[in-house]
C-alpha cells in the first residue's frame, strides 16, 4: 500500500506523437468554433465525462478525438499552457 506522503509518477503514453496530438486538438477546436460552440467548454465536458457527444462530428472532429486518450489530450493542453505561461 502506498503512503499518502509519497508522490506517484504518471507514465507518459507514446501512442501518438506530440505534433499529431496538437494538430488533432487544433482541428477539434476549429470544428467546434465553426459550429458555434464554445470550444473550451465542450472540450472540458469531453475530458471530464469521456462522452464523445461533447465533440461535434463536423470536420470529422468526433472521429479525431477518438484517436486520443483523454489523458493525452489533457497532457498536451497542460504542456502547452506551461510552456507558454511560466515566468
Protein backbone atom coordinates (compact mmCIF):
# COMPACT_ATOMS: atom_id res chain seq x y z
CA UNK A 1 0.00 0.00 0.00
CA UNK A 2 1.38 3.40 -0.98
CA UNK A 3 1.84 6.12 1.55
CA UNK A 4 -0.10 9.32 1.04
CA UNK A 5 3.09 11.30 1.53
CA UNK A 6 4.74 9.69 -1.50
CA UNK A 7 4.28 11.18 -4.96
CA UNK A 8 3.09 8.83 -7.65
CA UNK A 9 4.67 9.04 -11.07
CA UNK A 10 2.38 9.20 -14.09
CA UNK A 11 3.70 7.20 -17.03
CA UNK A 12 3.71 9.06 -20.33
CA UNK A 13 1.96 7.37 -23.20
CA UNK A 14 3.67 7.20 -26.58
CA UNK A 15 0.71 6.09 -28.68
CA UNK A 16 0.56 9.27 -30.71
CA UNK A 17 3.18 11.90 -31.47
CA UNK A 18 3.09 15.29 -29.76
CA UNK A 19 2.69 17.05 -33.10
CA UNK A 20 -0.21 14.82 -34.07
CA UNK A 21 -1.92 15.41 -30.71
CA UNK A 22 -1.51 19.16 -31.16
CA UNK A 23 -2.92 19.03 -34.68
CA UNK A 24 -5.91 16.93 -33.59
CA UNK A 25 -6.67 19.36 -30.77
CA UNK A 26 -6.43 22.28 -33.20
CA UNK A 27 -8.82 20.61 -35.67
CA UNK A 28 -11.32 19.85 -32.89
CA UNK A 29 -11.13 23.46 -31.70
CA UNK A 30 -11.84 24.90 -35.16
CA UNK A 31 -14.66 22.43 -35.85
CA UNK A 32 -16.37 23.37 -32.58
CA UNK A 33 -15.86 27.08 -33.23
CA UNK A 34 -17.26 26.83 -36.77
CA UNK A 35 -20.40 25.18 -35.45
CA UNK A 36 -20.91 27.95 -32.89
CA UNK A 37 -19.90 26.03 -29.79
CA UNK A 38 -17.59 27.28 -27.06
CA UNK A 39 -14.58 25.01 -27.75
CA UNK A 40 -13.19 25.26 -24.21
CA UNK A 41 -16.48 24.26 -22.58
CA UNK A 42 -17.05 21.39 -25.00
CA UNK A 43 -13.52 20.00 -24.66
CA UNK A 44 -13.68 20.24 -20.86
CA UNK A 45 -17.03 18.43 -20.93
CA UNK A 46 -15.47 15.68 -23.01
CA UNK A 47 -12.40 15.35 -20.78
CA UNK A 48 -14.47 15.17 -17.59
CA UNK A 49 -17.13 12.80 -18.89
CA UNK A 50 -15.48 10.80 -21.66
CA UNK A 51 -18.67 11.34 -23.67
CA UNK A 52 -17.72 11.98 -27.32
CA UNK A 53 -21.04 13.73 -27.99
CA UNK A 54 -19.48 16.85 -26.48
CA UNK A 55 -17.43 17.00 -29.68
CA UNK A 56 -19.15 17.83 -32.96
CA UNK A 57 -18.95 15.44 -35.87
CA UNK A 58 -18.32 18.48 -38.12
CA UNK A 59 -14.96 18.21 -39.93
CA UNK A 60 -14.65 14.67 -38.58
CA UNK A 61 -13.77 16.06 -35.12
CA UNK A 62 -15.51 13.29 -33.18
CA UNK A 63 -13.53 10.65 -35.04
CA UNK A 64 -10.32 12.62 -34.44
CA UNK A 65 -10.92 12.93 -30.69
CA UNK A 66 -11.29 9.15 -30.58
CA UNK A 67 -7.66 8.86 -31.72
CA UNK A 68 -6.51 10.44 -28.45
CA UNK A 69 -6.86 9.17 -24.94
CA UNK A 70 -8.27 11.83 -22.63
CA UNK A 71 -5.03 11.87 -20.65
CA UNK A 72 -3.09 12.56 -23.87
CA UNK A 73 -5.40 15.47 -24.64
CA UNK A 74 -5.01 16.85 -21.14
CA UNK A 75 -1.23 16.36 -21.24
CA UNK A 76 -0.99 18.33 -24.49
CA UNK A 77 -3.03 21.21 -23.08
CA UNK A 78 -1.12 21.39 -19.80
CA UNK A 79 2.22 21.21 -21.61
CA UNK A 80 1.23 23.99 -23.99
CA UNK A 81 -0.05 26.17 -21.18
CA UNK A 82 3.02 25.74 -19.00
CA UNK A 83 5.47 26.25 -21.88
CA UNK A 84 3.73 29.49 -22.83
CA UNK A 85 2.84 30.91 -19.43
CA UNK A 86 5.64 30.21 -16.99
CA UNK A 87 7.69 33.07 -15.60
